[in-house]
Amino acid sequence: MRLQLVGTRPGPHSHLGGLAAILVDGDRATVSPGALHAKSPVEQGVRWVDDPAQVPGARQYWVVWIAQGGAGGRGVRGAVASPMWIDRQAMVGYKHLARHVNDMSRALKGVIDLEGLSDAQRRAVGEAIRARAPQVWEATDPAVRAALGGEPAGTVGPAEGGPTSRDGAAPGDRDAATS
């Protein structure tokens, strides 16, 4: 079984094959296929503005772009979190659209970058994957599962070809380089 994905059939959107979106609201995460087209439940009807200062009463949401196709073509190979701020009462929101598009591409390239998400939010993303497609979770590299809060700390070391951050460094590499 696969997560509900877009672009798994040949055609004009086949370049999106294996991409899913998980919407994070507080410490809750749900698979949200509509987010791939900016039509998640929280985005519908929102008027987007170019300046975050125009959305002073906004709540922060995250879209975590999930690329499938890791080990054996079934596991999660990339996960990148993109923020957005929405004032549901005023129906106004801000997100950096180019960043969201670039983050989709990075996830498809196998990058793991969950910077900005709390530990609880990372665990919620992992739980959303496990609940929706347990076999996808099981086929996911242990280092990626650890990044999603699914493995006890210290049980997975840096692995060759494992997750990388926004700057391409493996998790922890930046800390070691700066000490």
N, C-alpha and C. Protein backbone atom coordinates (compact mmCIF):
# COMPACT_ATOMS: atom_id res chain seq x y z
N MET A 1 0.85 -1.19 0.00
CA MET A 1 0.00 0.00 0.00
C MET A 1 0.88 1.23 0.00
N ARG A 2 0.40 2.27 -0.61
CA ARG A 2 1.14 3.53 -0.68
C ARG A 2 0.30 4.62 -0.02
N LEU A 3 0.97 5.69 0.38
CA LEU A 3 0.24 6.86 0.83
C LEU A 3 -0.56 7.37 -0.34
N GLN A 4 -1.62 8.14 -0.09
CA GLN A 4 -2.36 8.69 -1.21
C GLN A 4 -1.48 9.74 -1.87
N LEU A 5 -1.06 9.47 -3.08
CA LEU A 5 -0.09 10.30 -3.76
C LEU A 5 -0.66 10.88 -5.04
N VAL A 6 0.02 11.88 -5.54
CA VAL A 6 -0.37 12.51 -6.80
C VAL A 6 0.68 12.16 -7.84
N GLY A 7 0.25 11.99 -9.06
CA GLY A 7 1.19 11.83 -10.17
C GLY A 7 1.80 10.46 -10.29
N THR A 8 1.12 9.41 -9.84
CA THR A 8 1.69 8.08 -9.95
C THR A 8 1.41 7.45 -11.31
N ARG A 9 0.60 8.09 -12.12
CA ARG A 9 0.32 7.60 -13.47
C ARG A 9 1.11 8.41 -14.48
N PRO A 10 1.42 7.81 -15.63
CA PRO A 10 2.12 8.57 -16.66
C PRO A 10 1.26 9.76 -17.11
N GLY A 11 1.91 10.83 -17.46
CA GLY A 11 1.17 11.99 -17.94
C GLY A 11 1.89 13.27 -17.58
N PRO A 12 1.19 14.40 -17.71
CA PRO A 12 1.85 15.69 -17.54
C PRO A 12 2.34 15.94 -16.11
N HIS A 13 1.81 15.23 -15.11
CA HIS A 13 2.25 15.45 -13.73
C HIS A 13 3.06 14.29 -13.19
N SER A 14 3.58 13.44 -14.05
CA SER A 14 4.31 12.28 -13.59
C SER A 14 5.57 12.67 -12.82
N HIS A 15 6.06 13.90 -13.00
CA HIS A 15 7.22 14.36 -12.25
C HIS A 15 6.92 14.48 -10.77
N LEU A 16 5.64 14.44 -10.38
CA LEU A 16 5.26 14.48 -8.97
C LEU A 16 5.07 13.08 -8.40
N GLY A 17 5.38 12.05 -9.15
CA GLY A 17 5.17 10.68 -8.69
C GLY A 17 5.80 10.45 -7.34
N GLY A 18 5.04 9.85 -6.44
CA GLY A 18 5.57 9.53 -5.14
C GLY A 18 5.59 10.66 -4.15
N LEU A 19 4.87 11.75 -4.39
CA LEU A 19 4.85 12.89 -3.47
C LEU A 19 3.52 12.95 -2.73
N ALA A 20 3.60 13.09 -1.42
CA ALA A 20 2.40 13.23 -0.58
C ALA A 20 2.61 14.44 0.32
N ALA A 21 1.53 14.90 0.92
CA ALA A 21 1.60 16.05 1.83
C ALA A 21 0.93 15.68 3.15
N ILE A 22 1.58 16.08 4.23
CA ILE A 22 1.01 15.91 5.56
C ILE A 22 0.87 17.30 6.17
N LEU A 23 -0.33 17.64 6.59
CA LEU A 23 -0.61 18.93 7.19
C LEU A 23 -0.44 18.83 8.70
N VAL A 24 0.36 19.73 9.26
CA VAL A 24 0.61 19.76 10.70
C VAL A 24 -0.06 20.99 11.27
N ASP A 25 -0.95 20.77 12.23
CA ASP A 25 -1.69 21.82 12.92
C ASP A 25 -1.46 21.60 14.41
N GLY A 26 -0.62 22.43 15.02
CA GLY A 26 -0.25 22.21 16.41
C GLY A 26 0.53 20.90 16.51
N ASP A 27 0.06 20.01 17.38
CA ASP A 27 0.72 18.71 17.53
C ASP A 27 -0.04 17.60 16.81
N ARG A 28 -0.93 17.97 15.88
CA ARG A 28 -1.68 16.99 15.09
C ARG A 28 -1.19 17.01 13.66
N ALA A 29 -1.15 15.84 13.04
CA ALA A 29 -0.73 15.74 11.65
C ALA A 29 -1.66 14.78 10.92
N THR A 30 -2.06 15.17 9.70
CA THR A 30 -2.93 14.32 8.89
C THR A 30 -2.44 14.36 7.44
N VAL A 31 -2.58 13.22 6.77
CA VAL A 31 -2.28 13.17 5.35
C VAL A 31 -3.30 14.07 4.65
N SER A 32 -2.83 14.97 3.81
CA SER A 32 -3.70 15.95 3.17
C SER A 32 -3.38 16.07 1.68
N PRO A 33 -3.98 15.19 0.86
CA PRO A 33 -3.69 15.24 -0.57
C PRO A 33 -3.98 16.61 -1.20
N GLY A 34 -4.95 17.34 -0.68
CA GLY A 34 -5.28 18.65 -1.22
C GLY A 34 -4.16 19.66 -1.09
N ALA A 35 -3.28 19.47 -0.12
CA ALA A 35 -2.18 20.42 0.09
C ALA A 35 -1.23 20.46 -1.11
N LEU A 36 -1.19 19.39 -1.90
CA LEU A 36 -0.33 19.38 -3.08
C LEU A 36 -0.73 20.47 -4.07
N HIS A 37 -1.97 20.89 -3.99
CA HIS A 37 -2.48 21.93 -4.89
C HIS A 37 -2.99 23.13 -4.11
N ALA A 38 -2.45 23.33 -2.90
CA ALA A 38 -2.84 24.44 -2.02
C ALA A 38 -4.32 24.41 -1.72
N LYS A 39 -4.88 23.20 -1.58
CA LYS A 39 -6.31 23.06 -1.30
C LYS A 39 -6.54 22.16 -0.08
N SER A 40 -5.66 22.27 0.90
CA SER A 40 -5.88 21.55 2.15
C SER A 40 -7.08 22.20 2.84
N PRO A 41 -7.69 21.53 3.80
CA PRO A 41 -8.85 22.13 4.48
C PRO A 41 -8.58 23.52 5.06
N VAL A 42 -7.38 23.76 5.58
CA VAL A 42 -7.11 25.08 6.17
C VAL A 42 -6.79 26.14 5.12
N GLU A 43 -6.44 25.74 3.91
CA GLU A 43 -6.08 26.69 2.86
C GLU A 43 -7.28 27.12 2.01
N GLN A 44 -8.32 26.32 2.00
CA GLN A 44 -9.46 26.62 1.13
C GLN A 44 -10.11 27.94 1.51
N GLY A 45 -10.27 28.80 0.52
CA GLY A 45 -10.92 30.09 0.72
C GLY A 45 -10.02 31.17 1.27
N VAL A 46 -8.75 30.87 1.49
CA VAL A 46 -7.82 31.84 2.05
C VAL A 46 -7.31 32.77 0.96
N ARG A 47 -7.24 34.06 1.27
CA ARG A 47 -6.63 35.05 0.37
C ARG A 47 -5.18 35.19 0.81
N TRP A 48 -4.27 34.89 -0.11
CA TRP A 48 -2.85 34.90 0.22
C TRP A 48 -2.27 36.28 0.00
N VAL A 49 -1.43 36.72 0.94
CA VAL A 49 -0.78 38.03 0.86
C VAL A 49 0.73 37.83 0.75
N ASP A 50 1.44 38.90 0.34
CA ASP A 50 2.88 38.82 0.10
C ASP A 50 3.74 39.14 1.31
N ASP A 51 3.12 39.58 2.40
CA ASP A 51 3.89 40.02 3.56
C ASP A 51 3.29 39.42 4.83
N PRO A 52 4.10 38.70 5.60
CA PRO A 52 3.56 38.09 6.82
C PRO A 52 3.02 39.12 7.81
N ALA A 53 3.49 40.36 7.74
CA ALA A 53 2.99 41.41 8.63
C ALA A 53 1.50 41.70 8.38
N GLN A 54 0.99 41.30 7.21
CA GLN A 54 -0.42 41.51 6.89
C GLN A 54 -1.32 40.44 7.51
N VAL A 55 -0.72 39.52 8.27
CA VAL A 55 -1.48 38.43 8.89
C VAL A 55 -1.11 38.37 10.38
N PRO A 56 -1.41 39.46 11.13
CA PRO A 56 -0.94 39.52 12.52
C PRO A 56 -1.58 38.48 13.45
N GLY A 57 -2.79 38.05 13.17
CA GLY A 57 -3.47 37.09 14.04
C GLY A 57 -3.35 35.66 13.54
N ALA A 58 -2.31 35.38 12.79
CA ALA A 58 -2.19 34.08 12.13
C ALA A 58 -1.74 32.97 13.07
N ARG A 59 -2.14 31.78 12.72
CA ARG A 59 -1.69 30.56 13.36
C ARG A 59 -0.72 29.89 12.39
N GLN A 60 0.35 29.30 12.93
CA GLN A 60 1.32 28.65 12.05
C GLN A 60 0.89 27.21 11.79
N TYR A 61 0.92 26.84 10.53
CA TYR A 61 0.70 25.47 10.08
C TYR A 61 1.96 25.05 9.33
N TRP A 62 2.12 23.76 9.14
CA TRP A 62 3.23 23.22 8.36
C TRP A 62 2.68 22.23 7.35
N VAL A 63 3.26 22.23 6.17
CA VAL A 63 3.03 21.15 5.21
C VAL A 63 4.35 20.39 5.15
N VAL A 64 4.29 19.09 5.42
CA VAL A 64 5.49 18.26 5.30
C VAL A 64 5.35 17.47 4.01
N TRP A 65 6.25 17.77 3.07
CA TRP A 65 6.25 17.10 1.78
C TRP A 65 6.97 15.77 1.96
N ILE A 66 6.30 14.68 1.63
CA ILE A 66 6.82 13.33 1.82
C ILE A 66 7.03 12.69 0.44
N ALA A 67 8.27 12.27 0.19
CA ALA A 67 8.58 11.55 -1.05
C ALA A 67 8.73 10.08 -0.70
N GLN A 68 8.05 9.27 -1.46
CA GLN A 68 8.10 7.83 -1.25
C GLN A 68 8.98 7.20 -2.32
N GLY A 69 9.63 6.11 -1.95
CA GLY A 69 10.45 5.40 -2.91
C GLY A 69 11.82 5.09 -2.37
N GLY A 70 11.95 5.00 -1.09
CA GLY A 70 13.23 4.64 -0.48
C GLY A 70 13.57 3.19 -0.75
N ALA A 71 14.05 2.51 0.26
CA ALA A 71 14.47 1.12 0.13
C ALA A 71 13.39 0.28 -0.53
N GLY A 72 13.73 -0.35 -1.62
CA GLY A 72 12.78 -1.19 -2.33
C GLY A 72 11.66 -0.41 -3.01
N GLY A 73 11.78 0.92 -3.07
CA GLY A 73 10.77 1.73 -3.73
C GLY A 73 9.50 1.94 -2.93
N ARG A 74 9.49 1.52 -1.66
CA ARG A 74 8.25 1.59 -0.89
C ARG A 74 8.31 2.54 0.30
N GLY A 75 9.49 2.81 0.83
CA GLY A 75 9.60 3.62 2.04
C GLY A 75 9.62 5.10 1.77
N VAL A 76 9.66 5.88 2.84
CA VAL A 76 9.81 7.33 2.75
C VAL A 76 11.27 7.61 2.46
N ARG A 77 11.54 8.41 1.42
CA ARG A 77 12.93 8.74 1.09
C ARG A 77 13.23 10.21 1.33
N GLY A 78 12.21 11.06 1.41
CA GLY A 78 12.42 12.49 1.64
C GLY A 78 11.27 13.07 2.43
N ALA A 79 11.57 14.05 3.28
CA ALA A 79 10.54 14.74 4.07
C ALA A 79 11.05 16.14 4.37
N VAL A 80 10.34 17.14 3.87
CA VAL A 80 10.74 18.53 4.08
C VAL A 80 9.53 19.33 4.55
N ALA A 81 9.73 20.08 5.65
CA ALA A 81 8.65 20.86 6.25
C ALA A 81 8.66 22.29 5.72
N SER A 82 7.48 22.78 5.32
CA SER A 82 7.32 24.15 4.83
C SER A 82 6.26 24.86 5.68
N PRO A 83 6.60 26.04 6.22
CA PRO A 83 5.64 26.74 7.07
C PRO A 83 4.66 27.60 6.28
N MET A 84 3.53 27.85 6.90
CA MET A 84 2.58 28.84 6.39
C MET A 84 1.81 29.38 7.59
N TRP A 85 1.31 30.59 7.46
CA TRP A 85 0.58 31.25 8.54
C TRP A 85 -0.78 31.64 8.01
N ILE A 86 -1.83 31.26 8.74
CA ILE A 86 -3.20 31.52 8.28
C ILE A 86 -4.03 32.05 9.43
N ASP A 87 -4.76 33.12 9.15
CA ASP A 87 -5.77 33.64 10.08
C ASP A 87 -7.11 33.15 9.55
N ARG A 88 -7.63 32.08 10.14
CA ARG A 88 -8.86 31.46 9.65
C ARG A 88 -10.06 32.38 9.82
N GLN A 89 -10.07 33.22 10.83
CA GLN A 89 -11.18 34.13 11.04
C GLN A 89 -11.24 35.18 9.93
N ALA A 90 -10.08 35.75 9.60
CA ALA A 90 -10.02 36.77 8.55
C ALA A 90 -9.88 36.14 7.16
N MET A 91 -9.58 34.82 7.11
CA MET A 91 -9.37 34.10 5.86
C MET A 91 -8.24 34.72 5.02
N VAL A 92 -7.15 35.06 5.72
CA VAL A 92 -5.97 35.63 5.09
C VAL A 92 -4.78 34.78 5.52
N GLY A 93 -3.84 34.57 4.60
CA GLY A 93 -2.68 33.77 4.94
C GLY A 93 -1.44 34.21 4.20
N TYR A 94 -0.30 33.73 4.72
CA TYR A 94 0.98 33.99 4.09
C TYR A 94 1.77 32.68 4.01
N LYS A 95 2.33 32.44 2.84
CA LYS A 95 3.33 31.39 2.67
C LYS A 95 4.23 31.81 1.53
N HIS A 96 5.47 31.40 1.61
CA HIS A 96 6.43 31.71 0.57
C HIS A 96 6.32 30.60 -0.48
N LEU A 97 5.54 30.87 -1.52
CA LEU A 97 5.22 29.84 -2.51
C LEU A 97 6.46 29.22 -3.14
N ALA A 98 7.44 30.03 -3.47
CA ALA A 98 8.66 29.49 -4.08
C ALA A 98 9.35 28.52 -3.14
N ARG A 99 9.35 28.83 -1.85
CA ARG A 99 9.96 27.91 -0.88
C ARG A 99 9.20 26.58 -0.86
N HIS A 100 7.86 26.64 -0.89
CA HIS A 100 7.08 25.41 -0.88
C HIS A 100 7.42 24.55 -2.11
N VAL A 101 7.52 25.17 -3.26
CA VAL A 101 7.84 24.44 -4.49
C VAL A 101 9.25 23.85 -4.40
N ASN A 102 10.20 24.65 -3.93
CA ASN A 102 11.57 24.15 -3.78
C ASN A 102 11.64 23.03 -2.75
N ASP A 103 10.86 23.14 -1.68
CA ASP A 103 10.85 22.10 -0.66
C ASP A 103 10.24 20.80 -1.19
N MET A 104 9.24 20.91 -2.05
CA MET A 104 8.71 19.71 -2.72
C MET A 104 9.82 19.01 -3.50
N SER A 105 10.55 19.79 -4.26
CA SER A 105 11.63 19.26 -5.07
C SER A 105 12.71 18.63 -4.20
N ARG A 106 13.03 19.27 -3.10
CA ARG A 106 14.05 18.73 -2.19
C ARG A 106 13.60 17.39 -1.61
N ALA A 107 12.32 17.30 -1.24
CA ALA A 107 11.81 16.03 -0.71
C ALA A 107 11.93 14.94 -1.77
N LEU A 108 11.58 15.26 -3.00
CA LEU A 108 11.69 14.28 -4.08
C LEU A 108 13.13 13.84 -4.31
N LYS A 109 14.09 14.70 -3.95
CA LYS A 109 15.51 14.36 -4.10
C LYS A 109 16.04 13.58 -2.90
N GLY A 110 15.18 13.34 -1.91
CA GLY A 110 15.59 12.53 -0.76
C GLY A 110 16.11 13.30 0.42
N VAL A 111 15.89 14.60 0.45
CA VAL A 111 16.34 15.41 1.59
C VAL A 111 15.37 15.24 2.76
N ILE A 112 15.92 15.17 3.97
CA ILE A 112 15.13 15.18 5.19
C ILE A 112 15.43 16.49 5.88
N ASP A 113 14.45 17.37 6.00
CA ASP A 113 14.63 18.67 6.65
C ASP A 113 13.34 19.00 7.39
N LEU A 114 13.35 18.74 8.68
CA LEU A 114 12.17 18.99 9.51
C LEU A 114 12.45 20.12 10.50
N GLU A 115 13.40 20.98 10.14
CA GLU A 115 13.75 22.11 10.98
C GLU A 115 12.52 22.97 11.19
N GLY A 116 12.30 23.35 12.42
CA GLY A 116 11.14 24.17 12.76
C GLY A 116 10.04 23.36 13.40
N LEU A 117 10.00 22.05 13.16
CA LEU A 117 8.99 21.20 13.79
C LEU A 117 9.47 20.80 15.18
N SER A 118 8.54 20.80 16.13
CA SER A 118 8.87 20.31 17.46
C SER A 118 8.98 18.79 17.44
N ASP A 119 9.52 18.21 18.50
CA ASP A 119 9.59 16.75 18.59
C ASP A 119 8.20 16.14 18.51
N ALA A 120 7.23 16.77 19.17
CA ALA A 120 5.85 16.26 19.14
C ALA A 120 5.28 16.31 17.73
N GLN A 121 5.59 17.36 16.98
CA GLN A 121 5.11 17.46 15.60
C GLN A 121 5.78 16.42 14.71
N ARG A 122 7.06 16.17 14.91
CA ARG A 122 7.75 15.13 14.14
C ARG A 122 7.13 13.77 14.41
N ARG A 123 6.87 13.49 15.69
CA ARG A 123 6.22 12.21 16.03
C ARG A 123 4.84 12.11 15.40
N ALA A 124 4.11 13.23 15.38
CA ALA A 124 2.77 13.23 14.78
C ALA A 124 2.84 12.91 13.28
N VAL A 125 3.86 13.44 12.60
CA VAL A 125 4.03 13.14 11.17
C VAL A 125 4.31 11.65 10.99
N GLY A 126 5.20 11.11 11.81
CA GLY A 126 5.49 9.68 11.75
C GLY A 126 4.25 8.85 12.02
N GLU A 127 3.46 9.25 13.01
CA GLU A 127 2.21 8.53 13.33
C GLU A 127 1.22 8.59 12.17
N ALA A 128 1.14 9.74 11.49
CA ALA A 128 0.23 9.87 10.35
C ALA A 128 0.62 8.89 9.24
N ILE A 129 1.92 8.73 9.02
CA ILE A 129 2.38 7.77 8.01
C ILE A 129 2.07 6.34 8.46
N ARG A 130 2.40 6.04 9.73
CA ARG A 130 2.14 4.68 10.25
C ARG A 130 0.66 4.33 10.19
N ALA A 131 -0.20 5.29 10.53
CA ALA A 131 -1.64 5.02 10.54
C ALA A 131 -2.18 4.82 9.13
N ARG A 132 -1.69 5.60 8.17
CA ARG A 132 -2.20 5.55 6.80
C ARG A 132 -1.64 4.39 6.01
N ALA A 133 -0.34 4.11 6.21
CA ALA A 133 0.31 3.07 5.40
C ALA A 133 1.43 2.42 6.22
N PRO A 134 1.08 1.50 7.11
CA PRO A 134 2.10 0.88 7.98
C PRO A 134 3.22 0.21 7.21
N GLN A 135 2.92 -0.37 6.05
CA GLN A 135 3.97 -1.03 5.29
C GLN A 135 4.96 -0.03 4.68
N VAL A 136 4.50 1.20 4.41
CA VAL A 136 5.42 2.25 3.95
C VAL A 136 6.37 2.59 5.09
N TRP A 137 5.83 2.73 6.30
CA TRP A 137 6.66 3.03 7.46
C TRP A 137 7.71 1.93 7.68
N GLU A 138 7.29 0.69 7.59
CA GLU A 138 8.20 -0.43 7.82
C GLU A 138 9.30 -0.49 6.77
N ALA A 139 9.02 -0.04 5.55
CA ALA A 139 10.00 -0.06 4.47
C ALA A 139 10.91 1.16 4.48
N THR A 140 10.68 2.07 5.43
CA THR A 140 11.46 3.31 5.51
C THR A 140 12.76 3.07 6.27
N ASP A 141 13.84 3.66 5.78
CA ASP A 141 15.14 3.55 6.42
C ASP A 141 15.05 3.98 7.89
N PRO A 142 15.70 3.24 8.79
CA PRO A 142 15.63 3.58 10.22
C PRO A 142 16.08 5.00 10.54
N ALA A 143 17.03 5.55 9.79
CA ALA A 143 17.47 6.92 10.04
C ALA A 143 16.35 7.92 9.74
N VAL A 144 15.55 7.64 8.72
CA VAL A 144 14.42 8.52 8.39
C VAL A 144 13.34 8.36 9.45
N ARG A 145 13.08 7.13 9.87
CA ARG A 145 12.10 6.91 10.94
C ARG A 145 12.53 7.64 12.21
N ALA A 146 13.83 7.63 12.50
CA ALA A 146 14.34 8.35 13.68
C ALA A 146 14.08 9.85 13.56
N ALA A 147 14.29 10.40 12.36
CA ALA A 147 14.04 11.83 12.14
C ALA A 147 12.58 12.17 12.35
N LEU A 148 11.71 11.19 12.12
CA LEU A 148 10.27 11.39 12.31
C LEU A 148 9.82 10.93 13.70
N GLY A 149 10.76 10.80 14.61
CA GLY A 149 10.42 10.47 15.99
C GLY A 149 10.00 9.03 16.19
N GLY A 150 10.34 8.15 15.25
CA GLY A 150 9.86 6.78 15.33
C GLY A 150 10.84 5.78 15.90
N GLU A 151 12.04 6.20 16.21
CA GLU A 151 13.04 5.30 16.79
C GLU A 151 13.57 5.95 18.06
N PRO A 152 13.87 5.16 19.08
CA PRO A 152 14.46 5.73 20.29
C PRO A 152 15.77 6.43 19.97
N ALA A 153 16.03 7.53 20.65
CA ALA A 153 17.26 8.29 20.42
C ALA A 153 18.47 7.42 20.69
N GLY A 154 19.48 7.55 19.86
CA GLY A 154 20.73 6.83 20.04
C GLY A 154 20.76 5.45 19.41
N THR A 155 19.66 4.97 18.83
CA THR A 155 19.67 3.64 18.25
C THR A 155 20.09 3.67 16.79
N VAL A 156 20.10 4.85 16.20
CA VAL A 156 20.45 4.96 14.79
C VAL A 156 21.56 5.99 14.67
N GLY A 157 22.67 5.61 14.07
CA GLY A 157 23.75 6.55 13.84
C GLY A 157 23.64 7.12 12.45
N PRO A 158 24.52 8.08 12.11
CA PRO A 158 24.49 8.61 10.76
C PRO A 158 24.77 7.49 9.77
N ALA A 159 23.93 7.38 8.78
CA ALA A 159 24.09 6.32 7.78
C ALA A 159 24.46 6.93 6.44
N GLU A 160 25.27 6.22 5.70
CA GLU A 160 25.62 6.68 4.37
C GLU A 160 24.35 6.74 3.55
N GLY A 161 24.12 7.87 2.89
CA GLY A 161 22.91 8.03 2.10
C GLY A 161 21.70 8.32 2.96
N GLY A 162 21.91 8.60 4.24
CA GLY A 162 20.80 8.86 5.15
C GLY A 162 20.29 10.28 5.00
N PRO A 163 19.49 10.72 5.97
CA PRO A 163 18.85 12.02 5.86
C PRO A 163 19.85 13.17 5.89
N THR A 164 19.49 14.23 5.19
CA THR A 164 20.30 15.44 5.20
C THR A 164 19.42 16.62 5.51
N SER A 165 20.03 17.72 5.92
CA SER A 165 19.28 18.91 6.29
C SER A 165 19.25 19.88 5.11
N ARG A 166 18.68 21.08 5.36
CA ARG A 166 18.53 22.10 4.32
C ARG A 166 19.87 22.41 3.66
N ASP A 167 20.97 22.41 4.42
CA ASP A 167 22.26 22.75 3.83
C ASP A 167 23.01 21.53 3.30
N GLY A 168 22.36 20.34 3.33
CA GLY A 168 22.96 19.14 2.78
C GLY A 168 23.78 18.35 3.79
N ALA A 169 23.95 18.89 5.01
CA ALA A 169 24.72 18.17 6.03
C ALA A 169 23.83 17.13 6.70
N ALA A 170 24.44 16.03 7.10
CA ALA A 170 23.70 15.03 7.86
C ALA A 170 23.36 15.62 9.22
N PRO A 171 22.26 15.19 9.84
CA PRO A 171 21.91 15.73 11.15
C PRO A 171 23.08 15.54 12.11
N GLY A 172 23.40 16.60 12.84
CA GLY A 172 24.50 16.56 13.80
C GLY A 172 25.84 16.99 13.22
N ASP A 173 26.00 16.95 11.89
CA ASP A 173 27.27 17.33 11.29
C ASP A 173 27.60 18.79 11.55
N ARG A 174 26.59 19.66 11.49
CA ARG A 174 26.84 21.07 11.73
C ARG A 174 27.29 21.31 13.15
N ASP A 175 26.70 20.58 14.11
CA ASP A 175 27.10 20.74 15.50
C ASP A 175 28.55 20.32 15.70
N ALA A 176 28.94 19.19 15.10
CA ALA A 176 30.29 18.69 15.24
C ALA A 176 31.29 19.65 14.59
N ALA A 177 30.89 20.25 13.49
CA ALA A 177 31.78 21.15 12.76
C ALA A 177 31.99 22.46 13.50
N THR A 178 31.02 22.87 14.32
CA THR A 178 31.12 24.14 15.00
C THR A 178 31.71 24.02 16.38
N SER A 179 31.92 22.76 16.88
CA SER A 179 32.47 22.64 18.23
C SER A 179 33.96 22.53 18.22
